[in-house]
C-alpha atoms as a PDB file:
ATOM      1  CA  UNK A   1      -0.183   0.080   0.126  1.00  0.00           C
ATOM      2  CA  UNK A   2       2.817   2.552   0.828  1.00  0.00           C
ATOM      3  CA  UNK A   3       2.263   6.303   0.421  1.00  0.00           C
ATOM      4  CA  UNK A   4      -0.761   5.584  -1.831  1.00  0.00           C
ATOM      5  CA  UNK A   5      -2.994   5.007   1.219  1.00  0.00           C
ATOM      6  CA  UNK A   6      -2.163   8.279   2.587  1.00  0.00           C
ATOM      7  CA  UNK A   7      -2.447  10.407  -0.259  1.00  0.00           C
ATOM      8  CA  UNK A   8      -6.210  10.966  -0.249  1.00  0.00           C
ATOM      9  CA  UNK A   9      -6.335  12.156   3.030  1.00  0.00           C
ATOM     10  CA  UNK A  10      -4.128  15.283   2.143  1.00  0.00           C
ATOM     11  CA  UNK A  11      -5.254  15.582  -1.523  1.00  0.00           C
ATOM     12  CA  UNK A  12      -8.403  17.510  -0.713  1.00  0.00           C
ATOM     13  CA  UNK A  13      -5.928  20.480  -0.108  1.00  0.00           C
ATOM     14  CA  UNK A  14      -5.626  20.882  -3.904  1.00  0.00           C
ATOM     15  CA  UNK A  15      -9.155  21.979  -4.228  1.00  0.00           C
ATOM     16  CA  UNK A  16      -9.153  24.814  -1.702  1.00  0.00           C
ATOM     17  CA  UNK A  17      -8.008  27.502  -4.523  1.00  0.00           C
ATOM     18  CA  UNK A  18     -10.831  26.382  -6.749  1.00  0.00           C
ATOM     19  CA  UNK A  19     -13.424  26.874  -3.821  1.00  0.00           C
ATOM     20  CA  UNK A  20     -12.692  30.592  -3.785  1.00  0.00           C
ATOM     21  CA  UNK A  21     -12.299  31.115  -7.300  1.00  0.00           C
ATOM     22  CA  UNK A  22     -15.318  29.391  -8.445  1.00  0.00           C
ATOM     23  CA  UNK A  23     -17.427  31.245  -6.506  1.00  0.00           C
ATOM     24  CA  UNK A  24     -16.114  34.553  -7.967  1.00  0.00           C
ATOM     25  CA  UNK A  25     -15.834  33.536 -11.641  1.00  0.00           C
ATOM     26  CA  UNK A  26     -18.435  30.932 -12.093  1.00  0.00           C
ATOM     27  CA  UNK A  27     -21.707  30.665 -12.793  1.00  0.00           C
ATOM     28  CA  UNK A  28     -23.287  29.862  -8.975  1.00  0.00           C
ATOM     29  CA  UNK A  29     -25.004  26.945 -10.626  1.00  0.00           C
ATOM     30  CA  UNK A  30     -21.812  25.652 -12.280  1.00  0.00           C
ATOM     31  CA  UNK A  31     -19.792  26.502  -9.067  1.00  0.00           C
ATOM     32  CA  UNK A  32     -22.186  24.327  -6.827  1.00  0.00           C
ATOM     33  CA  UNK A  33     -22.106  21.172  -8.794  1.00  0.00           C
ATOM     34  CA  UNK A  34     -18.480  21.512  -9.468  1.00  0.00           C
ATOM     35  CA  UNK A  35     -17.476  21.970  -6.071  1.00  0.00           C
ATOM     36  CA  UNK A  36     -20.227  19.581  -4.481  1.00  0.00           C
ATOM     37  CA  UNK A  37     -19.030  16.651  -6.786  1.00  0.00           C
ATOM     38  CA  UNK A  38     -15.258  17.522  -6.440  1.00  0.00           C
ATOM     39  CA  UNK A  39     -15.846  17.345  -2.370  1.00  0.00           C
ATOM     40  CA  UNK A  40     -17.852  14.626  -2.327  1.00  0.00           C
ATOM     41  CA  UNK A  41     -15.350  12.505  -4.513  1.00  0.00           C
ATOM     42  CA  UNK A  42     -12.420  13.623  -2.467  1.00  0.00           C
ATOM     43  CA  UNK A  43     -14.233  12.861   0.858  1.00  0.00           C
ATOM     44  CA  UNK A  44     -15.218   9.042  -0.545  1.00  0.00           C
ATOM     45  CA  UNK A  45     -11.325   8.429  -1.460  1.00  0.00           C
ATOM     46  CA  UNK A  46     -10.030   9.622   2.102  1.00  0.00           C
ATOM     47  CA  UNK A  47     -12.643   7.566   4.067  1.00  0.00           C
ATOM     48  CA  UNK A  48     -11.988   4.624   1.940  1.00  0.00           C
ATOM     49  CA  UNK A  49      -8.268   4.820   2.675  1.00  0.00           C
ATOM     50  CA  UNK A  50      -9.225   5.168   6.352  1.00  0.00           C
ATOM     51  CA  UNK A  51     -10.982   2.546   5.923  1.00  0.00           C
ATOM     52  CA  UNK A  52      -8.189   0.095   4.551  1.00  0.00           C
ATOM     53  CA  UNK A  53      -5.821   1.547   7.372  1.00  0.00           C
ATOM     54  CA  UNK A  54      -8.585   0.350   9.847  1.00  0.00           C
ATOM     55  CA  UNK A  55      -8.591  -2.990   8.562  1.00  0.00           C
ATOM     56  CA  UNK A  56      -5.108  -3.454   8.817  1.00  0.00           C
ATOM     57  CA  UNK A  57      -5.027  -1.833  12.551  1.00  0.00           C
ATOM     58  CA  UNK A  58      -7.894  -4.455  13.184  1.00  0.00           C
ATOM     59  CA  UNK A  59      -5.845  -7.285  12.304  1.00  0.00           C
ATOM     60  CA  UNK A  60      -3.310  -6.419  14.834  1.00  0.00           C
ATOM     61  CA  UNK A  61      -5.986  -6.504  17.822  1.00  0.00           C
ATOM     62  CA  UNK A  62      -6.420  -9.374  19.852  1.00  0.00           C
ATOM     63  CA  UNK A  63      -9.756 -11.231  19.354  1.00  0.00           C
ATOM     64  CA  UNK A  64     -10.689  -9.445  16.168  1.00  0.00           C
ATOM     65  CA  UNK A  65     -13.497 -11.070  14.114  1.00  0.00           C
ATOM     66  CA  UNK A  66     -10.869 -11.427  11.218  1.00  0.00           C
ATOM     67  CA  UNK A  67      -9.247 -14.616   9.522  1.00  0.00           C
ATOM     68  CA  UNK A  68      -6.385 -15.287  11.909  1.00  0.00           C
ATOM     69  CA  UNK A  69      -4.077 -15.489   8.582  1.00  0.00           C
ATOM     70  CA  UNK A  70      -4.620 -11.481   8.264  1.00  0.00           C
ATOM     71  CA  UNK A  71      -2.329 -11.085  11.213  1.00  0.00           C
ATOM     72  CA  UNK A  72       0.218 -13.460  10.274  1.00  0.00           C
ATOM     73  CA  UNK A  73       3.918 -11.873  10.426  1.00  0.00           C
ATOM     74  CA  UNK A  74       4.139 -12.538   6.496  1.00  0.00           C
ATOM     75  CA  UNK A  75       1.272 -10.171   5.916  1.00  0.00           C
ATOM     76  CA  UNK A  76       2.366  -7.485   8.335  1.00  0.00           C
ATOM     77  CA  UNK A  77       5.795  -7.722   6.300  1.00  0.00           C
ATOM     78  CA  UNK A  78       3.905  -7.070   3.240  1.00  0.00           C
ATOM     79  CA  UNK A  79       1.958  -3.984   4.417  1.00  0.00           C
ATOM     80  CA  UNK A  80       5.031  -2.127   5.972  1.00  0.00           C
ATOM     81  CA  UNK A  81       4.370   1.187   8.185  1.00  0.00           C
ATOM     82  CA  UNK A  82       0.661   0.790   8.070  1.00  0.00           C
ATOM     83  CA  UNK A  83       0.530  -1.064  11.617  1.00  0.00           C
ATOM     84  CA  UNK A  84       0.527   1.969  13.952  1.00  0.00           C
ATOM     85  CA  UNK A  85      -1.415   4.143  11.422  1.00  0.00           C
ATOM     86  CA  UNK A  86      -3.836   1.297  11.138  1.00  0.00           C
ATOM     87  CA  UNK A  87      -4.545   1.610  15.061  1.00  0.00           C
ATOM     88  CA  UNK A  88      -4.956   5.217  14.763  1.00  0.00           C
ATOM     89  CA  UNK A  89      -7.212   4.982  11.709  1.00  0.00           C
ATOM     90  CA  UNK A  90      -9.823   2.868  13.843  1.00  0.00           C
ATOM     91  CA  UNK A  91     -10.482   5.872  16.116  1.00  0.00           C
ATOM     92  CA  UNK A  92     -10.545   8.309  13.279  1.00  0.00           C
ATOM     93  CA  UNK A  93     -12.723   6.147  11.309  1.00  0.00           C
ATOM     94  CA  UNK A  94     -15.224   6.131  14.321  1.00  0.00           C
ATOM     95  CA  UNK A  95     -15.097   9.705  14.766  1.00  0.00           C
ATOM     96  CA  UNK A  96     -15.990  10.253  11.125  1.00  0.00           C
ATOM     97  CA  UNK A  97     -18.559   7.803  11.102  1.00  0.00           C
ATOM     98  CA  UNK A  98     -20.401   9.193  14.210  1.00  0.00           C
ATOM     99  CA  UNK A  99     -19.960  12.989  12.744  1.00  0.00           C
ATOM    100  CA  UNK A 100     -21.515  12.025   9.860  1.00  0.00           C
ATOM    101  CA  UNK A 101     -24.223  10.242  11.634  1.00  0.00           C
ATOM    102  CA  UNK A 102     -24.696  13.233  13.932  1.00  0.00           C
ATOM    103  CA  UNK A 103     -25.221  15.447  10.499  1.00  0.00           C
ATOM    104  CA  UNK A 104     -27.575  13.187   8.883  1.00  0.00           C
ATOM    105  CA  UNK A 105     -29.554  13.014  12.596  1.00  0.00           C
ATOM    106  CA  UNK A 106     -29.753  16.712  12.736  1.00  0.00           C
ATOM    107  CA  UNK A 107     -31.222  16.933   8.846  1.00  0.00           C
ATOM    108  CA  UNK A 108     -33.575  14.667   9.796  1.00  0.00           C
ATOM    109  CA  UNK A 109     -34.684  16.199  12.893  1.00  0.00           C
ATOM    110  CA  UNK A 110     -35.048  19.771  11.466  1.00  0.00           C
ATOM    111  CA  UNK A 111     -36.974  18.293   8.365  1.00  0.00           C
ATOM    112  CA  UNK A 112     -39.328  17.055  10.881  1.00  0.00           C
ATOM    113  CA  UNK A 113     -39.593  19.943  13.446  1.00  0.00           C
ATOM    114  CA  UNK A 114     -40.071  22.186  10.247  1.00  0.00           C
ATOM    115  CA  UNK A 115     -42.829  19.750   8.830  1.00  0.00           C
ATOM    116  CA  UNK A 116     -44.645  19.554  12.498  1.00  0.00           C
ATOM    117  CA  UNK A 117     -44.446  23.397  12.502  1.00  0.00           C
ATOM    118  CA  UNK A 118     -46.539  23.428   9.480  1.00  0.00           C
ATOM    119  CA  UNK A 119     -49.373  21.285  10.443  1.00  0.00           C
ATOM    120  CA  UNK A 120     -51.133  23.676  12.771  1.00  0.00           C
ATOM    121  CA  UNK A 121     -51.182  26.515  10.110  1.00  0.00           C
ATOM    122  CA  UNK A 122     -52.216  24.298   7.236  1.00  0.00           C
ATOM    123  CA  UNK A 123     -54.770  25.423   5.178  1.00  0.00           C
ATOM    124  CA  UNK A 124     -54.761  28.983   6.504  1.00  0.00           C
ATOM    125  CA  UNK A 125     -52.501  31.370   4.105  1.00  0.00           C
ATOM    126  CA  UNK A 126     -51.439  28.579   1.974  1.00  0.00           C
ATOM    127  CA  UNK A 127     -51.244  29.185  -1.794  1.00  0.00           C
ATOM    128  CA  UNK A 128     -49.881  26.249  -3.738  1.00  0.00           C
ATOM    129  CA  UNK A 129     -46.456  25.688  -2.548  1.00  0.00           C
ATOM    130  CA  UNK A 130     -46.225  28.889  -0.511  1.00  0.00           C
ATOM    131  CA  UNK A 131     -47.177  28.877   3.092  1.00  0.00           C
ATOM    132  CA  UNK A 132     -47.679  32.119   5.107  1.00  0.00           C
ATOM    133  CA  UNK A 133     -47.527  31.452   8.630  1.00  0.00           C
ATOM    134  CA  UNK A 134     -49.065  34.425  11.189  1.00  0.00           C
ATOM    135  CA  UNK A 135     -45.759  35.379  13.152  1.00  0.00           C
ATOM    136  CA  UNK A 136     -44.325  38.626  14.348  1.00  0.00           C
ATOM    137  CA  UNK A 137     -40.877  37.138  13.558  1.00  0.00           C
ATOM    138  CA  UNK A 138     -39.796  38.090   9.994  1.00  0.00           C
ATOM    139  CA  UNK A 139     -38.289  34.767   8.291  1.00  0.00           C
ATOM    140  CA  UNK A 140     -38.774  32.590   5.229  1.00  0.00           C
ATOM    141  CA  UNK A 141     -37.092  29.330   4.425  1.00  0.00           C
ATOM    142  CA  UNK A 142     -37.725  26.538   1.760  1.00  0.00           C
ATOM    143  CA  UNK A 143     -38.816  22.928   3.181  1.00  0.00           C
ATOM    144  CA  UNK A 144     -37.915  20.172   0.927  1.00  0.00           C
ATOM    145  CA  UNK A 145     -40.225  17.405   0.451  1.00  0.00           C
ATOM    146  CA  UNK A 146     -43.578  19.287   0.461  1.00  0.00           C
ATOM    147  CA  UNK A 147     -47.084  17.385   1.220  1.00  0.00           C
ATOM    148  CA  UNK A 148     -48.137  15.125  -1.306  1.00  0.00           C
ATOM    149  CA  UNK A 149     -46.687  13.367  -4.022  1.00  0.00           C
ATOM    150  CA  UNK A 150     -45.037  15.698  -7.285  1.00  0.00           C
ATOM    151  CA  UNK A 151     -44.177  18.565  -4.710  1.00  0.00           C
ATOM    152  CA  UNK A 152     -40.549  19.439  -4.501  1.00  0.00           C
ATOM    153  CA  UNK A 153     -41.164  21.187  -1.250  1.00  0.00           C
ATOM    154  CA  UNK A 154     -42.770  24.269   0.607  1.00  0.00           C
ATOM    155  CA  UNK A 155     -41.885  27.744   0.666  1.00  0.00           C
ATOM    156  CA  UNK A 156     -42.670  28.874   3.998  1.00  0.00           C
ATOM    157  CA  UNK A 157     -42.771  32.885   4.950  1.00  0.00           C
ATOM    158  CA  UNK A 158     -43.690  34.729   7.829  1.00  0.00           C
ATOM    159  CA  UNK A 159     -46.538  37.501   7.810  1.00  0.00           C
ATOM    160  CA  UNK A 160     -44.081  39.918   9.509  1.00  0.00           C
ATOM    161  CA  UNK A 161     -41.606  39.470   6.580  1.00  0.00           C
ATOM    162  CA  UNK A 162     -44.465  39.991   4.036  1.00  0.00           C
ATOM    163  CA  UNK A 163     -45.095  43.146   5.569  1.00  0.00           C
ATOM    164  CA  UNK A 164     -41.365  44.142   5.460  1.00  0.00           C
ATOM    165  CA  UNK A 165     -41.274  43.925   1.652  1.00  0.00           C
ATOM    166  CA  UNK A 166     -43.360  45.672  -1.253  1.00  0.00           C
ATOM    167  CA  UNK A 167     -45.365  43.266  -3.934  1.00  0.00           C
ATOM    168  CA  UNK A 168     -42.390  43.175  -6.201  1.00  0.00           C
ATOM    169  CA  UNK A 169     -40.144  42.328  -3.516  1.00  0.00           C
ATOM    170  CA  UNK A 170     -42.190  39.256  -2.071  1.00  0.00           C
ATOM    171  CA  UNK A 171     -42.158  38.131  -5.349  1.00  0.00           C
ATOM    172  CA  UNK A 172     -38.509  38.265  -5.718  1.00  0.00           C
ATOM    173  CA  UNK A 173     -38.537  36.479  -1.814  1.00  0.00           C
ATOM    174  CA  UNK A 174     -40.479  33.502  -2.889  1.00  0.00           C
ATOM    175  CA  UNK A 175     -39.031  33.282  -6.512  1.00  0.00           C
ATOM    176  CA  UNK A 176     -35.457  32.674  -4.172  1.00  0.00           C
ATOM    177  CA  UNK A 177     -36.823  30.161  -1.993  1.00  0.00           C
ATOM    178  CA  UNK A 178     -38.452  28.151  -4.885  1.00  0.00           C
ATOM    179  CA  UNK A 179     -35.171  28.217  -6.579  1.00  0.00           C
ATOM    180  CA  UNK A 180     -34.026  26.433  -3.482  1.00  0.00           C
ATOM    181  CA  UNK A 181     -36.530  23.674  -4.126  1.00  0.00           C
ATOM    182  CA  UNK A 182     -36.301  23.267  -7.928  1.00  0.00           C
ATOM    183  CA  UNK A 183     -32.406  23.292  -7.695  1.00  0.00           C
ATOM    184  CA  UNK A 184     -32.506  20.692  -4.848  1.00  0.00           C
ATOM    185  CA  UNK A 185     -29.895  22.765  -3.410  1.00  0.00           C
ATOM    186  CA  UNK A 186     -30.250  21.055   0.258  1.00  0.00           C
ATOM    187  CA  UNK A 187     -28.782  17.988  -1.265  1.00  0.00           C
ATOM    188  CA  UNK A 188     -25.615  19.881  -2.286  1.00  0.00           C
ATOM    189  CA  UNK A 189     -25.495  21.535   1.168  1.00  0.00           C
ATOM    190  CA  UNK A 190     -25.949  18.436   2.813  1.00  0.00           C
ATOM    191  CA  UNK A 191     -23.334  16.586   0.626  1.00  0.00           C
ATOM    192  CA  UNK A 192     -20.648  19.175   1.588  1.00  0.00           C
ATOM    193  CA  UNK A 193     -21.636  19.087   5.118  1.00  0.00           C
ATOM    194  CA  UNK A 194     -21.059  15.458   4.982  1.00  0.00           C
ATOM    195  CA  UNK A 195     -17.734  15.864   3.042  1.00  0.00           C
ATOM    196  CA  UNK A 196     -16.425  18.132   5.529  1.00  0.00           C
ATOM    197  CA  UNK A 197     -17.131  15.719   8.170  1.00  0.00           C
ATOM    198  CA  UNK A 198     -15.542  13.247   6.593  1.00  0.00           C
ATOM    199  CA  UNK A 199     -12.093  15.591   5.963  1.00  0.00           C
ATOM    200  CA  UNK A 200     -11.537  18.730   7.786  1.00  0.00           C
ATOM    201  CA  UNK A 201      -9.541  19.930   4.648  1.00  0.00           C
ATOM    202  CA  UNK A 202     -13.045  20.105   2.808  1.00  0.00           C
ATOM    203  CA  UNK A 203     -14.493  22.916   5.282  1.00  0.00           C
ATOM    204  CA  UNK A 204     -13.845  25.841   2.572  1.00  0.00           C
ATOM    205  CA  UNK A 205     -15.774  23.947  -0.026  1.00  0.00           C
ATOM    206  CA  UNK A 206     -18.706  23.913   2.266  1.00  0.00           C
ATOM    207  CA  UNK A 207     -18.415  27.391   2.778  1.00  0.00           C
ATOM    208  CA  UNK A 208     -18.289  28.137  -0.953  1.00  0.00           C
ATOM    209  CA  UNK A 209     -21.194  25.862  -1.711  1.00  0.00           C
ATOM    210  CA  UNK A 210     -23.478  27.660   1.032  1.00  0.00           C
ATOM    211  CA  UNK A 211     -22.792  30.967  -0.705  1.00  0.00           C
ATOM    212  CA  UNK A 212     -23.210  29.649  -4.463  1.00  0.00           C
ATOM    213  CA  UNK A 213     -26.384  27.825  -3.570  1.00  0.00           C
ATOM    214  CA  UNK A 214     -27.893  31.587  -2.325  1.00  0.00           C
ATOM    215  CA  UNK A 215     -26.418  33.416  -5.615  1.00  0.00           C
ATOM    216  CA  UNK A 216     -27.932  30.248  -7.865  1.00  0.00           C
ATOM    217  CA  UNK A 217     -31.245  31.144  -5.997  1.00  0.00           C
ATOM    218  CA  UNK A 218     -30.641  34.745  -6.449  1.00  0.00           C
ATOM    219  CA  UNK A 219     -30.045  34.307 -10.200  1.00  0.00           C
ATOM    220  CA  UNK A 220     -33.095  32.197 -10.609  1.00  0.00           C
ATOM    221  CA  UNK A 221     -34.942  34.893  -8.958  1.00  0.00           C
ATOM    222  CA  UNK A 222     -33.917  37.675 -11.147  1.00  0.00           C
ATOM    223  CA  UNK A 223     -34.685  35.824 -14.062  1.00  0.00           C
ATOM    224  CA  UNK A 224     -38.413  34.787 -12.790  1.00  0.00           C
ATOM    225  CA  UNK A 225     -39.129  38.359 -12.049  1.00  0.00           C
ATOM    226  CA  UNK A 226     -37.155  40.105 -14.647  1.00  0.00           C
ATOM    227  CA  UNK A 227     -35.344  42.424 -12.359  1.00  0.00           C
ATOM    228  CA  UNK A 228     -32.110  42.095 -10.662  1.00  0.00           C
ATOM    229  CA  UNK A 229     -32.271  45.438  -8.792  1.00  0.00           C
ATOM    230  CA  UNK A 230     -35.971  44.060  -7.323  1.00  0.00           C
ATOM    231  CA  UNK A 231     -33.819  40.875  -6.126  1.00  0.00           C
ATOM    232  CA  UNK A 232     -31.045  42.752  -4.720  1.00  0.00           C
ATOM    233  CA  UNK A 233     -33.586  44.876  -2.512  1.00  0.00           C
ATOM    234  CA  UNK A 234     -35.285  41.990  -1.385  1.00  0.00           C
ATOM    235  CA  UNK A 235     -32.078  40.159  -0.283  1.00  0.00           C
ATOM    236  CA  UNK A 236     -31.146  43.433   1.495  1.00  0.00           C
ATOM    237  CA  UNK A 237     -34.247  43.968   3.271  1.00  0.00           C
ATOM    238  CA  UNK A 238     -34.769  40.330   4.449  1.00  0.00           C
ATOM    239  CA  UNK A 239     -31.437  39.784   5.581  1.00  0.00           C
ATOM    240  CA  UNK A 240     -32.139  43.285   7.772  1.00  0.00           C
ATOM    241  CA  UNK A 241     -35.111  42.351   8.833  1.00  0.00           C
ATOM    242  CA  UNK A 242     -34.911  38.614   9.504  1.00  0.00           C
ATOM    243  CA  UNK A 243     -34.650  37.223  13.062  1.00  0.00           C
ATOM    244  CA  UNK A 244     -32.953  33.920  12.834  1.00  0.00           C
ATOM    245  CA  UNK A 245     -33.258  32.914  16.398  1.00  0.00           C
ATOM    246  CA  UNK A 246     -36.976  33.141  16.450  1.00  0.00           C
ATOM    247  CA  UNK A 247     -39.631  30.791  15.094  1.00  0.00           C
ATOM    248  CA  UNK A 248     -39.174  27.436  12.974  1.00  0.00           C
ATOM    249  CA  UNK A 249     -36.808  29.368  10.746  1.00  0.00           C
ATOM    250  CA  UNK A 250     -33.597  27.932  12.216  1.00  0.00           C
ATOM    251  CA  UNK A 251     -33.584  24.486  10.057  1.00  0.00           C
ATOM    252  CA  UNK A 252     -29.713  23.472   9.910  1.00  0.00           C
ATOM    253  CA  UNK A 253     -29.011  20.501   7.497  1.00  0.00           C
ATOM    254  CA  UNK A 254     -31.287  21.576   4.773  1.00  0.00           C
ATOM    255  CA  UNK A 255     -31.975  25.332   4.827  1.00  0.00           C
ATOM    256  CA  UNK A 256     -29.595  27.405   2.979  1.00  0.00           C
ATOM    257  CA  UNK A 257     -27.424  29.692   4.766  1.00  0.00           C
ATOM    258  CA  UNK A 258     -27.852  33.563   3.775  1.00  0.00           C
ATOM    259  CA  UNK A 259     -24.310  33.952   2.973  1.00  0.00           C
ATOM    260  CA  UNK A 260     -22.335  37.176   2.843  1.00  0.00           C
ATOM    261  CA  UNK A 261     -25.311  39.276   1.875  1.00  0.00           C
ATOM    262  CA  UNK A 262     -23.254  42.352   0.836  1.00  0.00           C
ATOM    263  CA  UNK A 263     -21.401  40.346  -1.965  1.00  0.00           C
ATOM    264  CA  UNK A 264     -24.791  38.875  -3.158  1.00  0.00           C
ATOM    265  CA  UNK A 265     -26.195  42.323  -3.548  1.00  0.00           C
ATOM    266  CA  UNK A 266     -23.051  43.443  -5.474  1.00  0.00           C
ATOM    267  CA  UNK A 267     -23.371  40.625  -7.533  1.00  0.00           C
ATOM    268  CA  UNK A 268     -27.013  41.163  -8.281  1.00  0.00           C
ATOM    269  CA  UNK A 269     -26.335  44.836  -9.543  1.00  0.00           C
ATOM    270  CA  UNK A 270     -23.567  43.501 -12.214  1.00  0.00           C
ATOM    271  CA  UNK A 271     -24.751  42.117 -15.323  1.00  0.00           C
ATOM    272  CA  UNK A 272     -25.888  38.346 -15.187  1.00  0.00           C
ATOM    273  CA  UNK A 273     -22.982  35.992 -15.095  1.00  0.00           C
ATOM    274  CA  UNK A 274     -21.943  33.692 -17.934  1.00  0.00           C
ATOM    275  CA  UNK A 275     -22.979  29.943 -17.790  1.00  0.00           C
ATOM    276  CA  UNK A 276     -20.129  28.709 -19.876  1.00  0.00           C
ATOM    277  CA  UNK A 277     -17.330  27.190 -18.542  1.00  0.00           C
ATOM    278  CA  UNK A 278     -14.994  27.554 -21.803  1.00  0.00           C
ATOM    279  CA  UNK A 279     -13.199  29.585 -21.867  1.00  0.00           C
ATOM    280  CA  UNK A 280     -11.983  29.974 -18.327  1.00  0.00           C
ATOM    281  CA  UNK A 281     -13.003  33.407 -16.806  1.00  0.00           C
ATOM    282  CA  UNK A 282      -9.484  33.853 -15.693  1.00  0.00           C
ATOM    283  CA  UNK A 283      -5.958  32.080 -15.770  1.00  0.00           C
ATOM    284  CA  UNK A 284      -6.100  31.605 -12.110  1.00  0.00           C
ATOM    285  CA  UNK A 285      -9.419  29.842 -12.263  1.00  0.00           C
ATOM    286  CA  UNK A 286      -7.946  27.983 -15.062  1.00  0.00           C
ATOM    287  CA  UNK A 287      -4.959  26.731 -12.827  1.00  0.00           C
ATOM    288  CA  UNK A 288      -6.791  26.070  -9.803  1.00  0.00           C
ATOM    289  CA  UNK A 289      -9.337  23.693 -11.855  1.00  0.00           C
ATOM    290  CA  UNK A 290      -6.372  21.667 -13.180  1.00  0.00           C
ATOM    291  CA  UNK A 291      -4.935  21.439  -9.923  1.00  0.00           C
ATOM    292  CA  UNK A 292      -8.010  20.041  -8.286  1.00  0.00           C
ATOM    293  CA  UNK A 293      -8.950  17.977 -11.420  1.00  0.00           C
ATOM    294  CA  UNK A 294      -5.332  16.378 -10.908  1.00  0.00           C
ATOM    295  CA  UNK A 295      -5.577  16.139  -7.222  1.00  0.00           C
ATOM    296  CA  UNK A 296      -9.005  14.330  -7.474  1.00  0.00           C
ATOM    297  CA  UNK A 297      -7.865  11.976  -9.993  1.00  0.00           C
ATOM    298  CA  UNK A 298      -4.708  11.136  -7.683  1.00  0.00           C
ATOM    299  CA  UNK A 299      -6.892  10.647  -4.946  1.00  0.00           C
ATOM    300  CA  UNK A 300      -9.272   8.163  -6.809  1.00  0.00           C
ATOM    301  CA  UNK A 301      -6.439   6.206  -8.153  1.00  0.00           C
ATOM    302  CA  UNK A 302      -4.243   6.051  -5.058  1.00  0.00           C
ATOM    303  CA  UNK A 303      -7.399   4.789  -3.116  1.00  0.00           C
ATOM    304  CA  UNK A 304      -8.151   2.136  -5.985  1.00  0.00           C
ATOM    305  CA  UNK A 305      -4.340   1.068  -5.979  1.00  0.00           C
ATOM    306  CA  UNK A 306      -4.571   0.684  -2.311  1.00  0.00           C
ATOM    307  CA  UNK A 307      -7.636  -0.950  -2.327  1.00  0.00           C
ATOM    308  CA  UNK A 308      -6.563  -3.911  -4.917  1.00  0.00           C
ATOM    309  CA  UNK A 309      -3.310  -4.049  -2.922  1.00  0.00           C
ATOM    310  CA  UNK A 310      -4.665  -4.985   0.251  1.00  0.00           C
ATOM    311  CA  UNK A 311      -7.709  -6.864  -1.020  1.00  0.00           C
ATOM    312  CA  UNK A 312      -4.825  -9.042  -3.103  1.00  0.00           C
ATOM    313  CA  UNK A 313      -2.775  -9.365   0.273  1.00  0.00           C
ATOM    314  CA  UNK A 314      -5.448 -10.373   2.155  1.00  0.00           C
ATOM    315  CA  UNK A 315      -6.898 -12.687  -0.103  1.00  0.00           C
ATOM    316  CA  UNK A 316      -3.675 -14.544  -0.394  1.00  0.00           C
ATOM    317  CA  UNK A 317      -3.230 -14.722   3.615  1.00  0.00           C
ATOM    318  CA  UNK A 318      -6.799 -16.061   3.687  1.00  0.00           C
ATOM    319  CA  UNK A 319      -7.025 -19.890   3.990  1.00  0.00           C
ATOM    320  CA  UNK A 320      -8.951 -21.700   1.463  1.00  0.00           C
END
């Protein structure tokens, strides 16, 4: 296995330059998808290599459930340098699984709480996929799933938030939240949250995706209402009046984060970004993209090499 089993643990660092440059120079839809796929792939590779190291470490423990041949001196000699790292990997992989499980649990609980919060108000103020909840606290969020088949989700807005905006800005706000649902942004957010739990080097990608999903929804809302300035005004007002500490608006795990509002407003006041990926918007982005692509490819190949090597060694050591 050698050094190949360790490379995927550090290669996520190659994606960090692209995280910042992608949100600056790519269309937010492209940036979200690219960063989510890259982060998920790198996280899977690093987790796989932790699992391979864990197998090696488990073979050293007395009373382990693995075949006796896996801990023979010949097998240990064939996988040098991995004995101590394998023992450490047992604890690290356990922490990764616990962190990912906790994230999934919070995601599920938040979704259930939000669904329960809507039940007492069902039918009052609902218009299709829009639910207006009587509340003195200004908030708005998108609840994936919705009620009944065929629904991508529900847009929930408080009466206080509606009163803060004029009719054109209300349309922009609702269009923004609907864009979160139709784009499946909660899936990208959850994927990058899990990736960051699996490998802390991927935390900047999670932050970048949280911002790019908001920008993606801003662009979709601007297209829906036909005015980038109206969306910019709605974004600024909603951020100014929103009370994130009150009501059922706090929905970690699938509700998109607000992101840096001044940057979003400034982007909406600029021309619409190009959706094309080629030619690159800047030389720096091109270099960062190539670096991330090479890092992801090397991570995948290293994981494959380590897997094939360990499987071959352990297969040969297992009595027939």
